[in-house]
Protein backbone atom coordinates (compact mmCIF):
# COMPACT_ATOMS: atom_id res chain seq x y z
CA MET A 1 282.94 -133.95 21.51
CA ASN A 2 282.08 -133.49 24.58
CA ALA A 3 279.67 -130.69 25.87
CA ILE A 4 280.84 -127.48 26.66
CA LYS A 5 279.76 -125.41 29.53
CA VAL A 6 279.10 -121.79 29.46
CA TYR A 7 278.05 -120.10 32.78
CA PHE A 8 276.25 -116.55 32.26
CA VAL A 9 276.75 -114.74 35.71
CA ARG A 10 275.17 -111.95 36.66
CA HIS A 11 277.18 -109.33 38.55
CA CYS A 12 277.10 -109.30 42.12
CA GLU A 13 275.70 -106.44 44.40
CA PRO A 14 276.88 -103.09 42.74
CA GLU A 15 276.62 -100.29 45.47
CA LEU A 16 273.51 -98.49 43.87
CA MET A 17 270.73 -100.77 43.85
CA ASN A 18 266.70 -100.01 43.28
CA THR A 19 267.75 -98.06 40.47
CA CYS A 20 267.08 -97.81 36.36
CA LEU A 21 271.06 -99.25 36.40
CA GLY A 22 271.77 -99.72 32.71
CA ILE A 23 275.35 -98.16 31.37
CA THR A 24 276.28 -96.10 34.24
CA ASP A 25 279.01 -97.41 36.23
CA ILE A 26 279.55 -98.14 39.44
CA PRO A 27 281.50 -100.41 41.84
CA LEU A 28 280.74 -103.32 43.73
CA SER A 29 279.15 -102.77 47.55
CA LYS A 30 281.03 -104.97 50.22
CA GLU A 31 278.84 -107.20 50.40
CA GLY A 32 279.04 -107.74 46.62
CA MET A 33 282.53 -108.72 46.64
CA LYS A 34 281.81 -111.17 48.98
CA GLN A 35 279.40 -112.67 46.48
CA ALA A 36 282.47 -112.66 43.99
CA ALA A 37 284.44 -114.56 46.51
CA LYS A 38 281.87 -117.30 46.62
CA LEU A 39 281.40 -117.27 43.32
CA LYS A 40 285.72 -117.51 42.94
CA SER A 41 285.38 -120.45 44.98
CA TYR A 42 282.16 -122.66 43.29
CA PHE A 43 284.11 -122.57 39.42
CA SER A 44 287.67 -123.16 40.94
CA ASP A 45 286.64 -126.86 40.11
CA LYS A 46 284.84 -126.18 36.68
CA ASN A 47 288.08 -126.45 34.33
CA ILE A 48 286.88 -122.75 33.28
CA ALA A 49 289.14 -121.70 30.46
CA ALA A 50 287.99 -118.17 29.85
CA ILE A 51 286.33 -115.77 31.18
CA TYR A 52 284.19 -112.72 29.01
CA SER A 53 283.24 -109.53 31.07
CA SER A 54 281.43 -106.76 30.53
CA PRO A 55 283.26 -103.52 30.55
CA LEU A 56 281.22 -102.25 33.17
CA ILE A 57 283.10 -102.46 36.39
CA ARG A 58 280.46 -104.04 38.44
CA ALA A 59 280.67 -107.05 36.19
CA LYS A 60 284.49 -106.13 35.23
CA LYS A 61 285.45 -106.55 39.58
CA THR A 62 282.97 -109.59 39.95
CA ALA A 63 285.04 -111.51 36.68
CA GLU A 64 287.96 -110.35 38.10
CA ILE A 65 287.90 -111.78 41.49
CA ILE A 66 286.44 -115.05 39.94
CA ALA A 67 289.26 -115.84 37.76
CA ASP A 68 292.39 -114.87 40.70
CA ASN A 69 294.89 -113.88 38.50
CA LYS A 70 294.59 -117.36 37.21
CA ILE A 71 292.22 -116.82 33.79
CA LYS A 72 292.62 -113.75 31.81
CA VAL A 73 289.58 -111.65 31.74
CA GLU A 74 288.54 -110.51 28.45
CA ILE A 75 286.25 -107.33 28.05
CA LYS A 76 283.64 -107.82 25.24
CA ASN A 77 281.52 -104.41 25.11
CA GLU A 78 278.38 -106.44 23.57
CA PHE A 79 277.89 -106.86 26.93
CA SER A 80 277.03 -103.97 28.24
CA GLU A 81 273.96 -103.60 30.17
CA LEU A 82 271.13 -102.20 28.26
CA ASN A 83 271.54 -98.51 27.88
CA MET A 84 268.10 -96.62 29.46
CA GLY A 85 269.54 -93.03 27.92
CA LYS A 86 268.04 -90.29 30.23
CA TRP A 87 266.32 -92.83 32.34
CA ASP A 88 269.94 -94.32 33.77
CA GLY A 89 270.57 -94.14 37.25
CA MET A 90 266.99 -93.11 38.56
CA THR A 91 264.61 -94.68 40.49
CA PHE A 92 261.70 -95.68 38.91
CA ALA A 93 259.40 -94.01 41.01
CA GLU A 94 260.76 -90.98 39.71
CA ILE A 95 260.54 -91.95 35.83
CA LYS A 96 257.15 -92.61 36.51
CA GLU A 97 256.59 -89.35 37.63
CA LYS A 98 258.66 -87.30 35.92
CA TYR A 99 258.03 -89.30 32.76
CA PRO A 100 254.77 -90.98 32.94
CA GLU A 101 253.45 -91.14 29.33
CA GLU A 102 256.62 -92.12 28.03
CA TYR A 103 256.81 -95.13 31.05
CA ALA A 104 253.72 -96.48 29.85
CA GLU A 105 254.45 -96.14 26.23
CA ARG A 106 257.74 -98.31 26.96
CA GLY A 107 255.24 -100.73 28.99
CA ARG A 108 253.46 -101.17 25.84
CA ASN A 109 256.42 -101.92 23.49
CA PHE A 110 258.47 -103.67 26.12
CA GLU A 111 260.97 -104.82 23.51
CA ASP A 112 261.29 -102.03 20.74
CA TYR A 113 260.80 -99.08 22.52
CA ILE A 114 263.65 -96.84 22.82
CA VAL A 115 264.48 -94.42 26.23
CA GLU A 116 265.77 -90.92 24.39
CA GLY A 117 269.60 -91.40 24.29
CA GLY A 118 269.28 -95.28 24.87
CA GLU A 119 268.12 -99.11 23.10
CA SER A 120 265.80 -101.23 23.16
CA MET A 121 265.77 -104.17 24.30
CA SER A 122 265.54 -105.63 21.09
CA MET A 123 268.66 -104.09 19.66
CA CYS A 124 270.40 -105.11 22.48
CA ARG A 125 269.73 -108.63 22.03
CA ASP A 126 271.00 -108.50 19.05
CA ARG A 127 274.67 -106.81 19.89
CA VAL A 128 274.60 -109.89 22.74
CA LEU A 129 273.98 -112.26 20.85
CA GLU A 130 276.42 -111.50 17.85
CA GLN A 131 279.10 -111.10 20.32
CA LEU A 132 278.06 -114.71 22.24
CA ARG A 133 277.98 -116.45 18.59
CA ASP A 134 281.44 -115.25 17.45
CA ILE A 135 282.77 -116.65 21.45
CA ILE A 136 280.98 -119.58 20.84
CA LYS A 137 282.43 -120.74 17.56
CA ASP A 138 285.85 -120.32 18.90
CA THR A 139 285.17 -121.97 21.78
CA THR A 140 286.79 -125.54 23.05
CA ASP A 141 286.60 -125.24 26.74
CA ASN A 142 283.85 -124.37 29.61
CA ILE A 143 283.93 -120.36 29.32
CA ILE A 144 282.20 -117.91 31.87
CA ILE A 145 280.43 -114.55 30.86
CA VAL A 146 279.64 -111.82 33.64
CA ALA A 147 276.71 -109.73 32.21
CA HIS A 148 273.94 -107.88 33.61
CA ALA A 149 270.62 -109.44 34.25
CA GLY A 150 269.47 -107.72 31.33
CA VAL A 151 271.80 -108.63 28.96
CA ASN A 152 271.76 -112.45 30.55
CA ARG A 153 267.75 -112.75 30.26
CA LEU A 154 267.86 -111.61 26.91
CA ILE A 155 269.63 -115.27 26.15
CA ILE A 156 267.70 -116.82 27.94
CA SER A 157 264.58 -115.64 25.69
CA GLU A 158 266.03 -116.67 22.13
CA LEU A 159 267.20 -119.84 23.54
CA LEU A 160 263.79 -120.35 25.38
CA GLY A 161 261.82 -118.88 22.90
CA ILE A 162 259.71 -116.82 25.37
CA SER A 163 259.26 -112.84 25.08
CA ILE A 164 261.45 -110.68 26.65
CA LYS A 165 259.12 -109.57 29.60
CA GLN A 166 258.46 -113.75 30.51
CA SER A 167 262.81 -113.85 30.61
CA PHE A 168 262.06 -111.45 33.63
CA LEU A 169 261.70 -114.67 35.68
CA TYR A 170 264.58 -115.42 35.17
CA GLN A 171 268.27 -114.15 37.10
CA ARG A 172 266.50 -112.18 39.70
CA GLU A 173 269.40 -111.75 42.36
CA TYR A 174 272.77 -110.62 41.97
CA GLY A 175 275.93 -113.40 41.81
CA SER A 176 273.39 -115.89 40.01
CA ILE A 177 274.94 -118.24 37.36
CA ILE A 178 272.42 -119.52 34.47
CA LYS A 179 274.40 -122.89 33.14
CA LEU A 180 274.26 -123.15 28.73
CA LYS A 181 275.33 -126.04 26.91
CA TYR A 182 276.72 -125.63 24.07
CA GLU A 183 276.70 -129.27 21.94
CA GLY A 184 276.96 -130.11 18.46
CA ASN A 185 276.27 -126.50 17.25
CA ILE A 186 273.51 -126.16 19.52
CA LEU A 187 273.39 -124.11 22.76
CA LYS A 188 270.91 -124.80 25.48
CA VAL A 189 269.69 -124.27 28.58
CA ASP A 190 271.00 -126.62 30.78
CA ASN A 191 269.52 -125.32 33.97
CA ALA A 192 267.17 -122.57 34.75
CA GLU A 193 269.17 -120.80 38.11
CA ILE A 194 271.86 -121.63 39.98
CA GLN A 195 271.80 -119.26 43.03
CA ILE A 196 275.03 -119.52 45.11
CA GLU A 197 274.66 -118.81 48.74
């Protein structure tokens, strides 16, 4: 059986940046639309059979531009970004000022801390991995998953056996790609990161 390539794409640049952006639903910026067009060109010869996307508009629109009306985009709620609860949409400066003790506690208990109204990193990882396993077991061809930096880093931390904090070294740029390879029932990181210029 040939190896299947699984491309994890971080959505392109949104209109709102430099905030604690979780499930707040915002569109792509003009630059984000250009980035997505470059991704469409990059994937044009990669024999992509299916595209899966987070339901959030910044990911969904990235996926739709890549698909170019030639591939169906399947929405998977489990690929939605980490729910940051009451912090969602605030700048990190605002969070530190308004919730200093909670911010410090999250720093100490990064994987399991739950912001009020949100979810922990480990909760997000569990839902993402379950959905990924369901998709992979039925996959016979190359696929794209368009999600978010938080979601994609959680996958990387699991596959590389590194902490979630360490995974922040990966996929820092909007529109970047992490390529995985699925072969012999084993999913592994094929490359650390591809940056589309």
